[in-house]
Amino acid sequence: MRNAAAHMGLVDPSELHTAMLTMLRYVDSALTVKAESARTFWGEDLAALASELLSEAMTQRRRIVAAKQAAARARLATLLGDLDETARTIILASLSGHNVALDSEVDQPQTCPVCNQRGWLYCGVEMGDVLRDEQSGAKFVARTAHPVTFMCFVCGLDIERDELDEFAFPDQVELEPLAVENDSDPDEDWLRDR
């Protein structure tokens, strides 16, 4: 703890604030999963401070998301201008129809919360343990996609990381298991197939 405090003196205050809020979010998530109270973890004195800082972070995140939504609405209004309903429908369908998934197996199409057109959740992949099918002897690895960012190429909405929590996007998506050759590394197999 003493070393952490010494290092904090060498960091820009805004970077330290951001790092502390990130740490608080991780701890808060872990406490939720473990069903442990913040008061038990932090103690009486620090639990109130942690709660206040988390509330401040949530409010700041909501302001950022609201500003991004307003910018996306403004872009959409500029794009569609004074077009009649038929022209609007054609333009929206055309722009929404672009398949912009970087990895069609991993990235997930989602309805944009601003324009109701198709946007994309871009995801990172977490590889699970190598498992063996008892009957066939085949090996496979479970994979889970975790959303990192959402982008809509119609209205320009761009939501990143913890901002995704402001919407009803899935936290994770289970992907088809990846077949693994007998002695190969599943990460190498996945990268080779890309």
N, C-alpha and C. Protein backbone atom coordinates (compact mmCIF):
# COMPACT_ATOMS: atom_id res chain seq x y z
N MET A 1 0.83 -1.19 0.00
CA MET A 1 0.00 0.00 0.00
C MET A 1 0.87 1.25 0.00
N ARG A 2 1.97 1.20 0.80
CA ARG A 2 2.86 2.35 0.89
C ARG A 2 3.49 2.65 -0.47
N ASN A 3 3.91 1.59 -1.21
CA ASN A 3 4.52 1.78 -2.53
C ASN A 3 3.52 2.39 -3.51
N ALA A 4 2.26 1.93 -3.45
CA ALA A 4 1.23 2.49 -4.33
C ALA A 4 1.06 3.97 -4.05
N ALA A 5 1.03 4.35 -2.78
CA ALA A 5 0.88 5.77 -2.42
C ALA A 5 2.07 6.57 -2.93
N ALA A 6 3.28 6.02 -2.82
CA ALA A 6 4.46 6.73 -3.31
C ALA A 6 4.39 6.93 -4.82
N HIS A 7 3.94 5.89 -5.55
CA HIS A 7 3.83 6.01 -7.00
C HIS A 7 2.74 7.00 -7.41
N MET A 8 1.69 7.10 -6.63
CA MET A 8 0.61 8.03 -6.95
C MET A 8 1.11 9.47 -6.95
N GLY A 9 2.14 9.76 -6.17
CA GLY A 9 2.70 11.10 -6.14
C GLY A 9 3.43 11.46 -7.43
N LEU A 10 3.72 10.47 -8.26
CA LEU A 10 4.45 10.70 -9.50
C LEU A 10 3.55 10.76 -10.73
N VAL A 11 2.25 10.71 -10.52
CA VAL A 11 1.29 10.63 -11.62
C VAL A 11 0.51 11.93 -11.74
N ASP A 12 0.17 12.29 -12.97
CA ASP A 12 -0.68 13.45 -13.20
C ASP A 12 -2.01 13.24 -12.46
N PRO A 13 -2.52 14.25 -11.73
CA PRO A 13 -3.75 14.07 -10.95
C PRO A 13 -4.95 13.59 -11.76
N SER A 14 -5.10 14.05 -13.01
CA SER A 14 -6.25 13.59 -13.80
C SER A 14 -6.10 12.12 -14.18
N GLU A 15 -4.86 11.69 -14.46
CA GLU A 15 -4.62 10.28 -14.77
C GLU A 15 -4.87 9.42 -13.53
N LEU A 16 -4.45 9.94 -12.37
CA LEU A 16 -4.68 9.21 -11.12
C LEU A 16 -6.17 9.07 -10.84
N HIS A 17 -6.93 10.14 -11.07
CA HIS A 17 -8.38 10.11 -10.86
C HIS A 17 -9.03 9.06 -11.76
N THR A 18 -8.62 9.05 -13.02
CA THR A 18 -9.16 8.07 -13.97
C THR A 18 -8.80 6.65 -13.53
N ALA A 19 -7.56 6.45 -13.11
CA ALA A 19 -7.13 5.11 -12.67
C ALA A 19 -7.89 4.67 -11.42
N MET A 20 -8.09 5.59 -10.50
CA MET A 20 -8.82 5.25 -9.27
C MET A 20 -10.27 4.88 -9.58
N LEU A 21 -10.91 5.63 -10.49
CA LEU A 21 -12.29 5.31 -10.85
C LEU A 21 -12.37 3.95 -11.53
N THR A 22 -11.40 3.65 -12.38
CA THR A 22 -11.37 2.35 -13.04
C THR A 22 -11.22 1.24 -12.00
N MET A 23 -10.31 1.43 -11.04
CA MET A 23 -10.12 0.44 -9.97
C MET A 23 -11.41 0.27 -9.16
N LEU A 24 -12.07 1.39 -8.85
CA LEU A 24 -13.32 1.31 -8.10
C LEU A 24 -14.39 0.53 -8.85
N ARG A 25 -14.47 0.72 -10.17
CA ARG A 25 -15.45 -0.02 -10.97
C ARG A 25 -15.16 -1.52 -10.94
N TYR A 26 -13.88 -1.88 -11.07
CA TYR A 26 -13.51 -3.29 -11.02
C TYR A 26 -13.87 -3.90 -9.67
N VAL A 27 -13.52 -3.19 -8.60
CA VAL A 27 -13.82 -3.70 -7.26
C VAL A 27 -15.33 -3.81 -7.07
N ASP A 28 -16.08 -2.80 -7.52
CA ASP A 28 -17.53 -2.83 -7.39
C ASP A 28 -18.12 -4.02 -8.14
N SER A 29 -17.60 -4.30 -9.34
CA SER A 29 -18.08 -5.46 -10.11
C SER A 29 -17.75 -6.76 -9.38
N ALA A 30 -16.54 -6.85 -8.84
CA ALA A 30 -16.14 -8.07 -8.11
C ALA A 30 -17.01 -8.26 -6.88
N LEU A 31 -17.33 -7.17 -6.18
CA LEU A 31 -18.18 -7.28 -4.99
C LEU A 31 -19.57 -7.76 -5.37
N THR A 32 -20.07 -7.31 -6.52
CA THR A 32 -21.38 -7.75 -6.98
C THR A 32 -21.37 -9.24 -7.27
N VAL A 33 -20.32 -9.70 -7.96
CA VAL A 33 -20.22 -11.12 -8.29
C VAL A 33 -20.09 -11.97 -7.03
N LYS A 34 -19.31 -11.49 -6.07
CA LYS A 34 -19.11 -12.24 -4.83
C LYS A 34 -20.24 -12.05 -3.83
N ALA A 35 -21.19 -11.17 -4.16
CA ALA A 35 -22.31 -10.85 -3.26
C ALA A 35 -21.80 -10.38 -1.89
N GLU A 36 -20.78 -9.54 -1.93
CA GLU A 36 -20.20 -8.99 -0.71
C GLU A 36 -20.55 -7.50 -0.65
N SER A 37 -20.77 -7.00 0.54
CA SER A 37 -21.14 -5.59 0.66
C SER A 37 -19.90 -4.70 0.58
N ALA A 38 -20.09 -3.49 0.08
CA ALA A 38 -19.00 -2.52 0.00
C ALA A 38 -18.51 -2.15 1.39
N ARG A 39 -19.41 -2.09 2.35
CA ARG A 39 -19.02 -1.73 3.72
C ARG A 39 -18.09 -2.79 4.32
N THR A 40 -18.34 -4.05 4.01
CA THR A 40 -17.46 -5.11 4.50
C THR A 40 -16.08 -5.00 3.86
N PHE A 41 -16.05 -4.74 2.56
CA PHE A 41 -14.78 -4.66 1.84
C PHE A 41 -13.99 -3.40 2.19
N TRP A 42 -14.64 -2.23 2.09
CA TRP A 42 -13.95 -0.95 2.27
C TRP A 42 -13.86 -0.52 3.73
N GLY A 43 -14.79 -0.99 4.57
CA GLY A 43 -14.87 -0.49 5.93
C GLY A 43 -15.83 0.69 5.97
N GLU A 44 -16.27 1.05 7.16
CA GLU A 44 -17.28 2.12 7.32
C GLU A 44 -16.85 3.44 6.69
N ASP A 45 -15.62 3.86 6.95
CA ASP A 45 -15.16 5.19 6.51
C ASP A 45 -15.03 5.28 5.00
N LEU A 46 -14.44 4.27 4.39
CA LEU A 46 -14.15 4.35 2.96
C LEU A 46 -15.32 3.93 2.07
N ALA A 47 -16.29 3.20 2.59
CA ALA A 47 -17.43 2.76 1.78
C ALA A 47 -18.21 3.94 1.24
N ALA A 48 -18.43 4.96 2.07
CA ALA A 48 -19.17 6.15 1.62
C ALA A 48 -18.39 6.89 0.54
N LEU A 49 -17.07 7.00 0.70
CA LEU A 49 -16.24 7.67 -0.31
C LEU A 49 -16.27 6.90 -1.62
N ALA A 50 -16.12 5.58 -1.55
CA ALA A 50 -16.14 4.76 -2.77
C ALA A 50 -17.48 4.92 -3.49
N SER A 51 -18.57 4.91 -2.74
CA SER A 51 -19.90 5.08 -3.33
C SER A 51 -20.03 6.44 -4.00
N GLU A 52 -19.54 7.48 -3.33
CA GLU A 52 -19.62 8.84 -3.89
C GLU A 52 -18.80 8.95 -5.17
N LEU A 53 -17.59 8.38 -5.17
CA LEU A 53 -16.75 8.43 -6.37
C LEU A 53 -17.36 7.65 -7.51
N LEU A 54 -17.95 6.48 -7.22
CA LEU A 54 -18.61 5.70 -8.26
C LEU A 54 -19.80 6.45 -8.83
N SER A 55 -20.55 7.13 -7.98
CA SER A 55 -21.69 7.92 -8.42
C SER A 55 -21.23 9.06 -9.32
N GLU A 56 -20.13 9.72 -8.95
CA GLU A 56 -19.57 10.80 -9.77
C GLU A 56 -19.14 10.27 -11.13
N ALA A 57 -18.50 9.10 -11.14
CA ALA A 57 -18.05 8.50 -12.40
C ALA A 57 -19.23 8.15 -13.29
N MET A 58 -20.30 7.62 -12.68
CA MET A 58 -21.48 7.25 -13.44
C MET A 58 -22.14 8.49 -14.04
N THR A 59 -22.21 9.56 -13.26
CA THR A 59 -22.80 10.80 -13.75
C THR A 59 -21.97 11.36 -14.91
N GLN A 60 -20.65 11.33 -14.75
CA GLN A 60 -19.77 11.82 -15.81
C GLN A 60 -19.94 10.98 -17.07
N ARG A 61 -20.02 9.66 -16.91
CA ARG A 61 -20.21 8.77 -18.06
C ARG A 61 -21.53 9.06 -18.75
N ARG A 62 -22.59 9.28 -17.98
CA ARG A 62 -23.90 9.59 -18.57
C ARG A 62 -23.86 10.89 -19.36
N ARG A 63 -23.13 11.89 -18.84
CA ARG A 63 -23.00 13.16 -19.58
C ARG A 63 -22.28 12.95 -20.90
N ILE A 64 -21.24 12.14 -20.88
CA ILE A 64 -20.48 11.86 -22.11
C ILE A 64 -21.36 11.14 -23.12
N VAL A 65 -22.09 10.13 -22.66
CA VAL A 65 -22.98 9.37 -23.54
C VAL A 65 -24.08 10.27 -24.10
N ALA A 66 -24.65 11.13 -23.26
CA ALA A 66 -25.71 12.05 -23.73
C ALA A 66 -25.16 12.98 -24.80
N ALA A 67 -23.93 13.47 -24.62
CA ALA A 67 -23.32 14.35 -25.63
C ALA A 67 -23.09 13.59 -26.94
N LYS A 68 -22.66 12.34 -26.85
CA LYS A 68 -22.44 11.53 -28.05
C LYS A 68 -23.77 11.28 -28.77
N GLN A 69 -24.84 11.02 -28.00
CA GLN A 69 -26.15 10.81 -28.61
C GLN A 69 -26.65 12.08 -29.30
N ALA A 70 -26.45 13.22 -28.67
CA ALA A 70 -26.88 14.49 -29.26
C ALA A 70 -26.13 14.75 -30.55
N ALA A 71 -24.83 14.48 -30.57
CA ALA A 71 -24.03 14.67 -31.79
C ALA A 71 -24.51 13.72 -32.90
N ALA A 72 -24.85 12.49 -32.53
CA ALA A 72 -25.34 11.53 -33.53
C ALA A 72 -26.70 11.97 -34.09
N ARG A 73 -27.57 12.49 -33.23
CA ARG A 73 -28.87 12.99 -33.71
C ARG A 73 -28.68 14.17 -34.66
N ALA A 74 -27.75 15.05 -34.32
CA ALA A 74 -27.47 16.21 -35.18
C ALA A 74 -26.92 15.76 -36.53
N ARG A 75 -26.03 14.78 -36.52
CA ARG A 75 -25.48 14.26 -37.77
C ARG A 75 -26.58 13.63 -38.62
N LEU A 76 -27.47 12.89 -37.97
CA LEU A 76 -28.58 12.25 -38.68
C LEU A 76 -29.51 13.30 -39.28
N ALA A 77 -29.81 14.34 -38.53
CA ALA A 77 -30.68 15.42 -39.03
C ALA A 77 -30.04 16.11 -40.24
N THR A 78 -28.73 16.32 -40.18
CA THR A 78 -28.02 16.94 -41.31
C THR A 78 -28.03 16.01 -42.52
N LEU A 79 -27.82 14.74 -42.27
CA LEU A 79 -27.79 13.75 -43.35
C LEU A 79 -29.13 13.66 -44.07
N LEU A 80 -30.22 13.63 -43.30
CA LEU A 80 -31.53 13.43 -43.90
C LEU A 80 -32.19 14.74 -44.34
N GLY A 81 -31.80 15.84 -43.69
CA GLY A 81 -32.30 17.16 -44.09
C GLY A 81 -33.80 17.20 -44.30
N ASP A 82 -34.20 17.75 -45.43
CA ASP A 82 -35.61 17.93 -45.78
C ASP A 82 -36.14 16.83 -46.70
N LEU A 83 -35.52 15.68 -46.69
CA LEU A 83 -35.96 14.60 -47.56
C LEU A 83 -37.34 14.11 -47.15
N ASP A 84 -38.11 13.66 -48.14
CA ASP A 84 -39.41 13.10 -47.80
C ASP A 84 -39.22 11.70 -47.20
N GLU A 85 -40.30 11.14 -46.68
CA GLU A 85 -40.22 9.87 -45.95
C GLU A 85 -39.67 8.74 -46.81
N THR A 86 -40.04 8.68 -48.08
CA THR A 86 -39.55 7.62 -48.97
C THR A 86 -38.04 7.73 -49.16
N ALA A 87 -37.57 8.94 -49.40
CA ALA A 87 -36.12 9.14 -49.59
C ALA A 87 -35.36 8.81 -48.31
N ARG A 88 -35.92 9.21 -47.16
CA ARG A 88 -35.28 8.90 -45.88
C ARG A 88 -35.15 7.39 -45.70
N THR A 89 -36.22 6.68 -45.99
CA THR A 89 -36.21 5.22 -45.83
C THR A 89 -35.15 4.59 -46.72
N ILE A 90 -35.03 5.06 -47.94
CA ILE A 90 -34.03 4.53 -48.88
C ILE A 90 -32.61 4.80 -48.38
N ILE A 91 -32.36 6.04 -47.96
CA ILE A 91 -31.03 6.43 -47.47
C ILE A 91 -30.67 5.60 -46.23
N LEU A 92 -31.60 5.50 -45.27
CA LEU A 92 -31.32 4.75 -44.04
C LEU A 92 -31.08 3.28 -44.33
N ALA A 93 -31.89 2.68 -45.21
CA ALA A 93 -31.71 1.27 -45.55
C ALA A 93 -30.37 1.04 -46.25
N SER A 94 -30.00 1.97 -47.11
CA SER A 94 -28.74 1.85 -47.83
C SER A 94 -27.55 1.92 -46.87
N LEU A 95 -27.55 2.90 -45.98
CA LEU A 95 -26.44 3.05 -45.04
C LEU A 95 -26.41 1.93 -44.01
N SER A 96 -27.57 1.51 -43.55
CA SER A 96 -27.65 0.46 -42.55
C SER A 96 -27.28 -0.89 -43.13
N GLY A 97 -27.44 -1.04 -44.43
CA GLY A 97 -27.19 -2.32 -45.09
C GLY A 97 -25.73 -2.68 -45.25
N HIS A 98 -24.82 -1.73 -45.03
CA HIS A 98 -23.40 -2.04 -45.17
C HIS A 98 -22.96 -3.03 -44.11
N ASN A 99 -22.29 -4.07 -44.55
CA ASN A 99 -21.76 -5.04 -43.59
C ASN A 99 -20.36 -4.58 -43.22
N VAL A 100 -20.23 -3.99 -42.04
CA VAL A 100 -18.95 -3.45 -41.63
C VAL A 100 -18.37 -4.21 -40.45
N ALA A 101 -18.73 -5.47 -40.32
CA ALA A 101 -18.14 -6.29 -39.27
C ALA A 101 -16.69 -6.57 -39.65
N LEU A 102 -15.79 -6.36 -38.71
CA LEU A 102 -14.38 -6.67 -38.96
C LEU A 102 -14.19 -8.18 -38.96
N ASP A 103 -14.95 -8.86 -38.13
CA ASP A 103 -14.92 -10.32 -38.04
C ASP A 103 -16.37 -10.77 -37.91
N SER A 104 -16.94 -11.27 -39.00
CA SER A 104 -18.37 -11.58 -39.01
C SER A 104 -18.76 -12.64 -38.01
N GLU A 105 -17.80 -13.44 -37.55
CA GLU A 105 -18.11 -14.46 -36.56
C GLU A 105 -18.18 -13.86 -35.14
N VAL A 106 -17.40 -12.83 -34.89
CA VAL A 106 -17.26 -12.28 -33.55
C VAL A 106 -18.09 -11.02 -33.35
N ASP A 107 -18.02 -10.08 -34.28
CA ASP A 107 -18.73 -8.81 -34.14
C ASP A 107 -20.23 -9.03 -34.29
N GLN A 108 -21.00 -8.29 -33.50
CA GLN A 108 -22.43 -8.53 -33.40
C GLN A 108 -23.25 -7.35 -33.91
N PRO A 109 -24.19 -7.59 -34.85
CA PRO A 109 -25.07 -6.50 -35.26
C PRO A 109 -26.04 -6.16 -34.12
N GLN A 110 -26.26 -4.87 -33.91
CA GLN A 110 -27.18 -4.40 -32.86
C GLN A 110 -27.93 -3.19 -33.38
N THR A 111 -29.13 -2.99 -32.90
CA THR A 111 -29.91 -1.82 -33.28
C THR A 111 -29.35 -0.60 -32.57
N CYS A 112 -29.13 0.45 -33.35
CA CYS A 112 -28.59 1.69 -32.80
C CYS A 112 -29.64 2.37 -31.91
N PRO A 113 -29.26 2.79 -30.71
CA PRO A 113 -30.22 3.44 -29.82
C PRO A 113 -30.61 4.85 -30.25
N VAL A 114 -29.91 5.43 -31.23
CA VAL A 114 -30.24 6.77 -31.69
C VAL A 114 -31.12 6.73 -32.94
N CYS A 115 -30.69 5.99 -33.96
CA CYS A 115 -31.41 6.03 -35.25
C CYS A 115 -32.19 4.76 -35.55
N ASN A 116 -32.10 3.75 -34.69
CA ASN A 116 -32.79 2.47 -34.87
C ASN A 116 -32.36 1.72 -36.13
N GLN A 117 -31.18 2.00 -36.62
CA GLN A 117 -30.63 1.27 -37.75
C GLN A 117 -29.61 0.27 -37.22
N ARG A 118 -29.05 -0.54 -38.13
CA ARG A 118 -28.08 -1.55 -37.70
C ARG A 118 -26.72 -0.92 -37.47
N GLY A 119 -26.21 -1.12 -36.26
CA GLY A 119 -24.84 -0.75 -35.93
C GLY A 119 -24.10 -2.02 -35.55
N TRP A 120 -22.87 -1.87 -35.08
CA TRP A 120 -22.07 -3.05 -34.77
C TRP A 120 -21.42 -2.94 -33.41
N LEU A 121 -21.52 -4.03 -32.65
CA LEU A 121 -20.74 -4.20 -31.43
C LEU A 121 -19.46 -4.91 -31.84
N TYR A 122 -18.34 -4.22 -31.67
CA TYR A 122 -17.05 -4.84 -31.96
C TYR A 122 -16.56 -5.48 -30.66
N CYS A 123 -16.12 -6.72 -30.78
CA CYS A 123 -15.84 -7.51 -29.58
C CYS A 123 -14.42 -8.05 -29.55
N GLY A 124 -13.93 -8.25 -28.35
CA GLY A 124 -12.72 -9.01 -28.13
C GLY A 124 -13.12 -10.43 -27.77
N VAL A 125 -12.24 -11.38 -27.99
CA VAL A 125 -12.58 -12.78 -27.75
C VAL A 125 -11.75 -13.33 -26.59
N GLU A 126 -12.45 -13.97 -25.67
CA GLU A 126 -11.78 -14.65 -24.56
C GLU A 126 -11.84 -16.14 -24.84
N MET A 127 -10.68 -16.75 -24.87
CA MET A 127 -10.60 -18.19 -25.10
C MET A 127 -10.71 -18.92 -23.77
N GLY A 128 -11.53 -19.97 -23.74
CA GLY A 128 -11.67 -20.77 -22.53
C GLY A 128 -10.67 -21.91 -22.51
N ASP A 129 -10.90 -22.87 -21.65
CA ASP A 129 -10.02 -24.04 -21.54
C ASP A 129 -10.26 -24.98 -22.71
N VAL A 130 -9.24 -25.76 -23.04
CA VAL A 130 -9.39 -26.80 -24.06
C VAL A 130 -10.17 -27.94 -23.43
N LEU A 131 -11.26 -28.34 -24.08
CA LEU A 131 -12.12 -29.41 -23.58
C LEU A 131 -12.10 -30.57 -24.56
N ARG A 132 -12.46 -31.75 -24.09
CA ARG A 132 -12.47 -32.93 -24.95
C ARG A 132 -13.87 -33.54 -24.94
N ASP A 133 -14.38 -33.84 -26.13
CA ASP A 133 -15.65 -34.53 -26.26
C ASP A 133 -15.39 -36.00 -25.96
N GLU A 134 -16.03 -36.50 -24.91
CA GLU A 134 -15.78 -37.87 -24.46
C GLU A 134 -16.12 -38.91 -25.53
N GLN A 135 -17.16 -38.66 -26.31
CA GLN A 135 -17.58 -39.66 -27.30
C GLN A 135 -16.67 -39.69 -28.52
N SER A 136 -16.40 -38.52 -29.09
CA SER A 136 -15.62 -38.48 -30.33
C SER A 136 -14.12 -38.29 -30.08
N GLY A 137 -13.75 -37.82 -28.90
CA GLY A 137 -12.34 -37.56 -28.61
C GLY A 137 -11.86 -36.23 -29.18
N ALA A 138 -12.74 -35.51 -29.86
CA ALA A 138 -12.35 -34.23 -30.46
C ALA A 138 -12.09 -33.20 -29.37
N LYS A 139 -11.13 -32.32 -29.64
CA LYS A 139 -10.84 -31.24 -28.69
C LYS A 139 -11.41 -29.94 -29.24
N PHE A 140 -11.86 -29.13 -28.32
CA PHE A 140 -12.37 -27.81 -28.72
C PHE A 140 -12.15 -26.84 -27.57
N VAL A 141 -12.25 -25.57 -27.89
CA VAL A 141 -12.10 -24.53 -26.87
C VAL A 141 -13.33 -23.63 -26.92
N ALA A 142 -13.90 -23.38 -25.75
CA ALA A 142 -15.05 -22.47 -25.66
C ALA A 142 -14.54 -21.04 -25.87
N ARG A 143 -15.37 -20.21 -26.50
CA ARG A 143 -14.99 -18.83 -26.75
C ARG A 143 -16.14 -17.91 -26.38
N THR A 144 -15.80 -16.77 -25.81
CA THR A 144 -16.78 -15.77 -25.43
C THR A 144 -16.36 -14.43 -26.01
N ALA A 145 -17.29 -13.75 -26.67
CA ALA A 145 -17.02 -12.41 -27.20
C ALA A 145 -17.47 -11.38 -26.18
N HIS A 146 -16.61 -10.40 -25.92
CA HIS A 146 -16.92 -9.33 -24.98
C HIS A 146 -16.93 -8.00 -25.74
N PRO A 147 -18.07 -7.31 -25.78
CA PRO A 147 -18.15 -6.04 -26.50
C PRO A 147 -17.16 -5.02 -25.96
N VAL A 148 -16.51 -4.33 -26.89
CA VAL A 148 -15.54 -3.30 -26.56
C VAL A 148 -16.04 -1.92 -27.00
N THR A 149 -16.68 -1.88 -28.16
CA THR A 149 -17.19 -0.61 -28.67
C THR A 149 -18.40 -0.87 -29.56
N PHE A 150 -19.26 0.13 -29.68
CA PHE A 150 -20.41 0.07 -30.59
C PHE A 150 -20.26 1.22 -31.57
N MET A 151 -20.47 0.94 -32.86
CA MET A 151 -20.43 1.99 -33.87
C MET A 151 -21.62 1.87 -34.80
N CYS A 152 -22.22 3.01 -35.09
CA CYS A 152 -23.30 3.06 -36.06
C CYS A 152 -22.81 3.93 -37.22
N PHE A 153 -22.80 3.36 -38.41
CA PHE A 153 -22.30 4.10 -39.57
C PHE A 153 -23.39 4.91 -40.25
N VAL A 154 -24.58 4.91 -39.67
CA VAL A 154 -25.66 5.76 -40.18
C VAL A 154 -25.61 7.12 -39.49
N CYS A 155 -25.72 7.11 -38.16
CA CYS A 155 -25.75 8.39 -37.42
C CYS A 155 -24.41 8.76 -36.81
N GLY A 156 -23.45 7.84 -36.83
CA GLY A 156 -22.12 8.14 -36.31
C GLY A 156 -21.95 7.92 -34.82
N LEU A 157 -22.93 7.29 -34.15
CA LEU A 157 -22.80 7.04 -32.72
C LEU A 157 -21.62 6.10 -32.48
N ASP A 158 -20.75 6.47 -31.54
CA ASP A 158 -19.56 5.70 -31.22
C ASP A 158 -19.49 5.60 -29.69
N ILE A 159 -19.77 4.42 -29.16
CA ILE A 159 -19.81 4.21 -27.72
C ILE A 159 -18.69 3.24 -27.35
N GLU A 160 -17.92 3.58 -26.33
CA GLU A 160 -16.76 2.77 -25.98
C GLU A 160 -16.82 2.23 -24.56
N ARG A 161 -16.27 1.06 -24.38
CA ARG A 161 -16.03 0.39 -23.10
C ARG A 161 -17.14 0.55 -22.07
N ASP A 162 -16.90 1.25 -20.96
CA ASP A 162 -17.91 1.31 -19.90
C ASP A 162 -19.13 2.14 -20.29
N GLU A 163 -19.02 2.93 -21.36
CA GLU A 163 -20.20 3.67 -21.86
C GLU A 163 -21.26 2.70 -22.37
N LEU A 164 -20.85 1.50 -22.77
CA LEU A 164 -21.80 0.49 -23.24
C LEU A 164 -22.81 0.12 -22.16
N ASP A 165 -22.43 0.29 -20.90
CA ASP A 165 -23.32 -0.06 -19.79
C ASP A 165 -24.57 0.82 -19.75
N GLU A 166 -24.55 1.94 -20.44
CA GLU A 166 -25.70 2.85 -20.46
C GLU A 166 -26.82 2.32 -21.38
N PHE A 167 -26.54 1.27 -22.11
CA PHE A 167 -27.50 0.71 -23.07
C PHE A 167 -27.76 -0.76 -22.76
N ALA A 168 -28.73 -1.32 -23.43
CA ALA A 168 -29.11 -2.72 -23.19
C ALA A 168 -28.34 -3.69 -24.10
N PHE A 169 -27.09 -3.37 -24.39
CA PHE A 169 -26.27 -4.27 -25.18
C PHE A 169 -25.88 -5.47 -24.33
N PRO A 170 -25.66 -6.63 -24.94
CA PRO A 170 -25.24 -7.79 -24.15
C PRO A 170 -23.84 -7.58 -23.57
N ASP A 171 -23.60 -8.13 -22.39
CA ASP A 171 -22.27 -8.05 -21.76
C ASP A 171 -21.29 -9.01 -22.43
N GLN A 172 -21.84 -10.13 -22.91
CA GLN A 172 -21.00 -11.12 -23.56
C GLN A 172 -21.86 -11.96 -24.50
N VAL A 173 -21.19 -12.58 -25.47
CA VAL A 173 -21.88 -13.42 -26.44
C VAL A 173 -21.08 -14.72 -26.54
N GLU A 174 -21.76 -15.83 -26.31
CA GLU A 174 -21.09 -17.13 -26.43
C GLU A 174 -20.96 -17.47 -27.92
N LEU A 175 -19.76 -17.79 -28.35
CA LEU A 175 -19.48 -18.13 -29.75
C LEU A 175 -19.41 -19.65 -29.89
N GLU A 176 -19.48 -20.09 -31.13
CA GLU A 176 -19.31 -21.52 -31.40
C GLU A 176 -17.93 -21.95 -30.91
N PRO A 177 -17.84 -23.12 -30.28
CA PRO A 177 -16.52 -23.60 -29.84
C PRO A 177 -15.60 -23.77 -31.04
N LEU A 178 -14.32 -23.59 -30.80
CA LEU A 178 -13.31 -23.71 -31.84
C LEU A 178 -12.68 -25.10 -31.77
N ALA A 179 -12.70 -25.83 -32.90
CA ALA A 179 -12.07 -27.15 -32.94
C ALA A 179 -10.56 -26.95 -32.84
N VAL A 180 -9.92 -27.82 -32.08
CA VAL A 180 -8.48 -27.72 -31.87
C VAL A 180 -7.83 -29.01 -32.35
N GLU A 181 -6.74 -28.85 -33.11
CA GLU A 181 -5.98 -30.02 -33.52
C GLU A 181 -5.29 -30.58 -32.28
N ASN A 182 -4.94 -31.84 -32.30
CA ASN A 182 -4.48 -32.53 -31.10
C ASN A 182 -3.46 -31.80 -30.25
N ASP A 183 -2.34 -31.38 -30.80
CA ASP A 183 -1.30 -30.79 -29.97
C ASP A 183 -1.13 -29.30 -30.24
N SER A 184 -2.09 -28.69 -30.90
CA SER A 184 -1.90 -27.28 -31.26
C SER A 184 -2.41 -26.36 -30.17
N ASP A 185 -1.98 -25.13 -30.25
CA ASP A 185 -2.40 -24.07 -29.33
C ASP A 185 -3.68 -23.46 -29.90
N PRO A 186 -4.79 -23.39 -29.14
CA PRO A 186 -6.05 -22.87 -29.67
C PRO A 186 -5.94 -21.42 -30.13
N ASP A 187 -5.12 -20.62 -29.45
CA ASP A 187 -4.93 -19.22 -29.88
C ASP A 187 -4.26 -19.17 -31.24
N GLU A 188 -3.27 -20.04 -31.46
CA GLU A 188 -2.59 -20.07 -32.75
C GLU A 188 -3.54 -20.55 -33.84
N ASP A 189 -4.36 -21.56 -33.55
CA ASP A 189 -5.34 -22.04 -34.53
C ASP A 189 -6.29 -20.91 -34.94
N TRP A 190 -6.78 -20.18 -33.95
CA TRP A 190 -7.73 -19.10 -34.22
C TRP A 190 -7.08 -18.01 -35.06
N LEU A 191 -5.86 -17.63 -34.72
CA LEU A 191 -5.17 -16.59 -35.48
C LEU A 191 -4.84 -17.07 -36.89
N ARG A 192 -4.42 -18.34 -37.03
CA ARG A 192 -4.08 -18.89 -38.36
C ARG A 192 -5.31 -18.86 -39.27
N ASP A 193 -6.49 -19.16 -38.71
CA ASP A 193 -7.71 -19.19 -39.50
C ASP A 193 -8.15 -17.80 -39.92
N ARG A 194 -7.63 -16.76 -39.33
CA ARG A 194 -7.99 -15.41 -39.69
C ARG A 194 -7.18 -14.98 -40.88
